[in-house]
C-alpha atoms as a PDB file:
ATOM      1  CA  MET A   1     124.153 -31.536  90.434  1.00  0.00           C
ATOM      2  CA  GLU A   2     126.630 -29.972  92.861  1.00  0.00           C
ATOM      3  CA  GLY A   3     126.758 -26.185  93.256  1.00  0.00           C
ATOM      4  CA  ALA A   4     130.310 -26.008  91.979  1.00  0.00           C
ATOM      5  CA  GLU A   5     129.175 -27.519  88.583  1.00  0.00           C
ATOM      6  CA  LEU A   6     126.363 -24.974  88.352  1.00  0.00           C
ATOM      7  CA  LYS A   7     128.895 -22.094  88.918  1.00  0.00           C
ATOM      8  CA  SER A   8     131.158 -23.716  86.284  1.00  0.00           C
ATOM      9  CA  ILE A   9     128.314 -23.783  83.792  1.00  0.00           C
ATOM     10  CA  ARG A  10     127.325 -20.235  84.592  1.00  0.00           C
ATOM     11  CA  LEU A  11     130.825 -18.982  84.069  1.00  0.00           C
ATOM     12  CA  LYS A  12     131.258 -20.884  80.882  1.00  0.00           C
ATOM     13  CA  LEU A  13     128.112 -19.167  79.613  1.00  0.00           C
ATOM     14  CA  GLY A  14     129.697 -15.758  80.534  1.00  0.00           C
ATOM     15  CA  LEU A  15     126.820 -14.923  82.897  1.00  0.00           C
ATOM     16  CA  SER A  16     126.807 -13.197  86.212  1.00  0.00           C
ATOM     17  CA  ALA A  17     124.672 -14.651  89.014  1.00  0.00           C
ATOM     18  CA  GLU A  18     122.060 -11.964  88.251  1.00  0.00           C
ATOM     19  CA  GLY A  19     122.094 -12.801  84.522  1.00  0.00           C
ATOM     20  CA  PHE A  20     121.693 -16.468  85.206  1.00  0.00           C
ATOM     21  CA  ALA A  21     118.874 -15.697  87.682  1.00  0.00           C
ATOM     22  CA  ARG A  22     117.045 -13.723  84.908  1.00  0.00           C
ATOM     23  CA  LEU A  23     117.550 -16.624  82.462  1.00  0.00           C
ATOM     24  CA  VAL A  24     116.088 -19.335  84.712  1.00  0.00           C
ATOM     25  CA  GLY A  25     113.363 -17.111  86.339  1.00  0.00           C
ATOM     26  CA  ALA A  26     114.895 -16.853  89.836  1.00  0.00           C
ATOM     27  CA  ALA A  27     114.163 -13.807  92.054  1.00  0.00           C
ATOM     28  CA  ASP A  28     117.806 -12.611  91.943  1.00  0.00           C
ATOM     29  CA  GLY A  29     121.535 -13.375  91.846  1.00  0.00           C
ATOM     30  CA  ALA A  30     121.506 -14.257  95.565  1.00  0.00           C
ATOM     31  CA  HIS A  31     119.405 -17.309  94.909  1.00  0.00           C
ATOM     32  CA  VAL A  32     121.937 -18.484  92.318  1.00  0.00           C
ATOM     33  CA  ARG A  33     124.817 -17.791  94.651  1.00  0.00           C
ATOM     34  CA  LYS A  34     123.076 -19.924  97.313  1.00  0.00           C
ATOM     35  CA  TRP A  35     122.463 -22.777  94.910  1.00  0.00           C
ATOM     36  CA  GLU A  36     126.178 -22.638  94.024  1.00  0.00           C
ATOM     37  CA  ARG A  37     126.960 -23.258  97.865  1.00  0.00           C
ATOM     38  CA  THR A  38     124.201 -25.770  98.539  1.00  0.00           C
ATOM     39  CA  ALA A  39     121.719 -27.874  96.552  1.00  0.00           C
ATOM     40  CA  VAL A  40     120.687 -26.954  92.987  1.00  0.00           C
ATOM     41  CA  PRO A  41     116.905 -27.386  92.277  1.00  0.00           C
ATOM     42  CA  PRO A  42     116.372 -30.259  89.834  1.00  0.00           C
ATOM     43  CA  PRO A  43     114.646 -28.102  87.110  1.00  0.00           C
ATOM     44  CA  VAL A  44     117.476 -25.584  87.215  1.00  0.00           C
ATOM     45  CA  ALA A  45     120.141 -28.341  87.003  1.00  0.00           C
ATOM     46  CA  VAL A  46     118.438 -29.848  83.917  1.00  0.00           C
ATOM     47  CA  LEU A  47     118.399 -26.413  82.218  1.00  0.00           C
ATOM     48  CA  ALA A  48     121.931 -25.689  83.204  1.00  0.00           C
ATOM     49  CA  LYS A  49     123.219 -29.015  81.679  1.00  0.00           C
ATOM     50  CA  ALA A  50     121.038 -28.372  78.483  1.00  0.00           C
ATOM     51  CA  LEU A  51     122.621 -24.972  78.154  1.00  0.00           C
ATOM     52  CA  ARG A  52     126.137 -26.413  78.582  1.00  0.00           C
ATOM     53  CA  ASP A  53     125.566 -29.339  76.124  1.00  0.00           C
ATOM     54  CA  SER A  54     123.207 -28.180  73.467  1.00  0.00           C
ATOM     55  CA  ASP A  55     123.808 -25.517  70.830  1.00  0.00           C
ATOM     56  CA  ALA A  56     120.033 -25.448  70.070  1.00  0.00           C
ATOM     57  CA  VAL A  57     119.137 -24.719  73.591  1.00  0.00           C
ATOM     58  CA  ARG A  58     121.799 -22.003  73.831  1.00  0.00           C
ATOM     59  CA  SER A  59     120.490 -20.471  70.609  1.00  0.00           C
ATOM     60  CA  TYR A  60     116.899 -20.537  71.861  1.00  0.00           C
ATOM     61  CA  PHE A  61     117.893 -18.603  74.988  1.00  0.00           C
ATOM     62  CA  GLY A  62     120.233 -16.468  73.152  1.00  0.00           C
ATOM     63  CA  VAL A  63     123.516 -17.269  75.065  1.00  0.00           C
ATOM     64  CA  THR A  64     126.851 -18.580  73.914  1.00  0.00           C
ATOM     65  CA  LEU A  65     129.694 -20.423  75.561  1.00  0.00           C
ATOM     66  CA  ALA A  66     132.390 -17.909  76.667  1.00  0.00           C
ATOM     67  CA  VAL A  67     135.702 -18.337  75.020  1.00  0.00           C
ATOM     68  CA  THR A  68     138.299 -19.550  77.536  1.00  0.00           C
ATOM     69  CA  SER A  69     141.988 -20.074  77.253  1.00  0.00           C
ATOM     70  CA  GLU A  70     142.162 -23.523  78.882  1.00  0.00           C
END
């Protein structure tokens, strides 16, 4: 997963970098912003894709997809 894809997923979930960091157990939003510029750790990539693709996973973590006007 490229960093831009992670950022896209994070934004679709309506999460700040800090909020996404809390969700995945990262130290802080700075780590998330770094991943968005460089390589995304495989476990984070798997979770991000699951959050994007699965209603059940989003429900488990208590997040929803943000409404966009695309």
